[in-house]
Protein backbone atom coordinates (compact mmCIF):
# COMPACT_ATOMS: atom_id res chain seq x y z
CA UNK A 1 1.96 10.50 -5.15
CA UNK A 2 2.52 12.44 -8.27
CA UNK A 3 6.34 12.83 -7.60
CA UNK A 4 6.57 9.41 -9.22
CA UNK A 5 6.43 9.98 -12.60
CA UNK A 6 7.73 7.42 -13.98
CA UNK A 7 5.77 4.90 -11.63
CA UNK A 8 2.82 7.12 -13.21
CA UNK A 9 3.59 6.66 -16.54
CA UNK A 10 4.16 2.65 -17.08
CA UNK A 11 1.01 2.19 -15.18
CA UNK A 12 -0.65 4.54 -17.70
CA UNK A 13 0.73 2.46 -20.78
CA UNK A 14 0.23 -0.75 -19.00
CA UNK A 15 -3.37 -0.73 -17.08
CA UNK A 16 -4.75 2.69 -18.65
CA UNK A 17 -5.02 4.99 -15.17
CA UNK A 18 -2.31 5.21 -12.61
CA UNK A 19 -3.12 1.88 -10.92
CA UNK A 20 -0.69 2.43 -8.20
CA UNK A 21 -1.94 5.37 -6.79
CA UNK A 22 -5.29 3.98 -6.94
CA UNK A 23 -4.28 0.74 -5.03
CA UNK A 24 -2.19 2.96 -2.57
CA UNK A 25 -5.78 5.03 -1.60
CA UNK A 26 -7.63 1.63 -1.59
CA UNK A 27 -5.20 0.30 1.26
CA UNK A 28 -5.28 3.81 3.15
CA UNK A 29 -9.69 3.35 2.74
CA UNK A 30 -9.86 0.12 4.18
CA UNK A 31 -7.15 1.14 7.19
CA UNK A 32 -9.01 4.31 8.17
CA UNK A 33 -12.70 1.80 7.67
CA UNK A 34 -11.16 -0.65 10.14
CA UNK A 35 -10.12 1.92 12.67
CA UNK A 36 -13.10 3.67 12.61
CA UNK A 37 -15.56 0.29 12.69
CA UNK A 38 -12.69 -1.48 15.23
CA UNK A 39 -11.96 -5.00 12.70
CA UNK A 40 -8.81 -5.85 12.48
CA UNK A 41 -7.45 -4.59 9.12
CA UNK A 42 -6.88 -7.21 6.62
CA UNK A 43 -4.10 -6.32 4.15
CA UNK A 44 -3.95 -6.96 0.61
CA UNK A 45 -0.68 -7.36 0.06
CA UNK A 46 1.13 -10.52 -1.11
CA UNK A 47 2.66 -12.11 0.18
CA UNK A 48 2.21 -9.75 3.64
CA UNK A 49 4.30 -7.36 5.51
CA UNK A 50 6.95 -9.28 7.38
CA UNK A 51 6.30 -9.87 11.27
CA UNK A 52 8.34 -7.38 13.03
CA UNK A 53 10.09 -9.80 15.27
CA UNK A 54 11.76 -11.15 12.10
CA UNK A 55 12.93 -8.07 11.09
CA UNK A 56 16.44 -6.48 11.67
CA UNK A 57 17.04 -4.47 14.54
CA UNK A 58 18.20 -0.91 14.52
CA UNK A 59 21.57 0.14 15.06
CA UNK A 60 22.62 3.20 17.53
């Protein structure tokens, strides 16, 4: 995530930390915990990701 220097700089200016990186790593940790415990993963994204059934179909 160090390949996004503009995001890092703006996060540090606004939040005093590289907030985007921290939040992404927290999401990965929560997903890993869900896999390990067998509990459903609950996203913190608002709005949540779209249901795949409403996504555009791939073109071949």
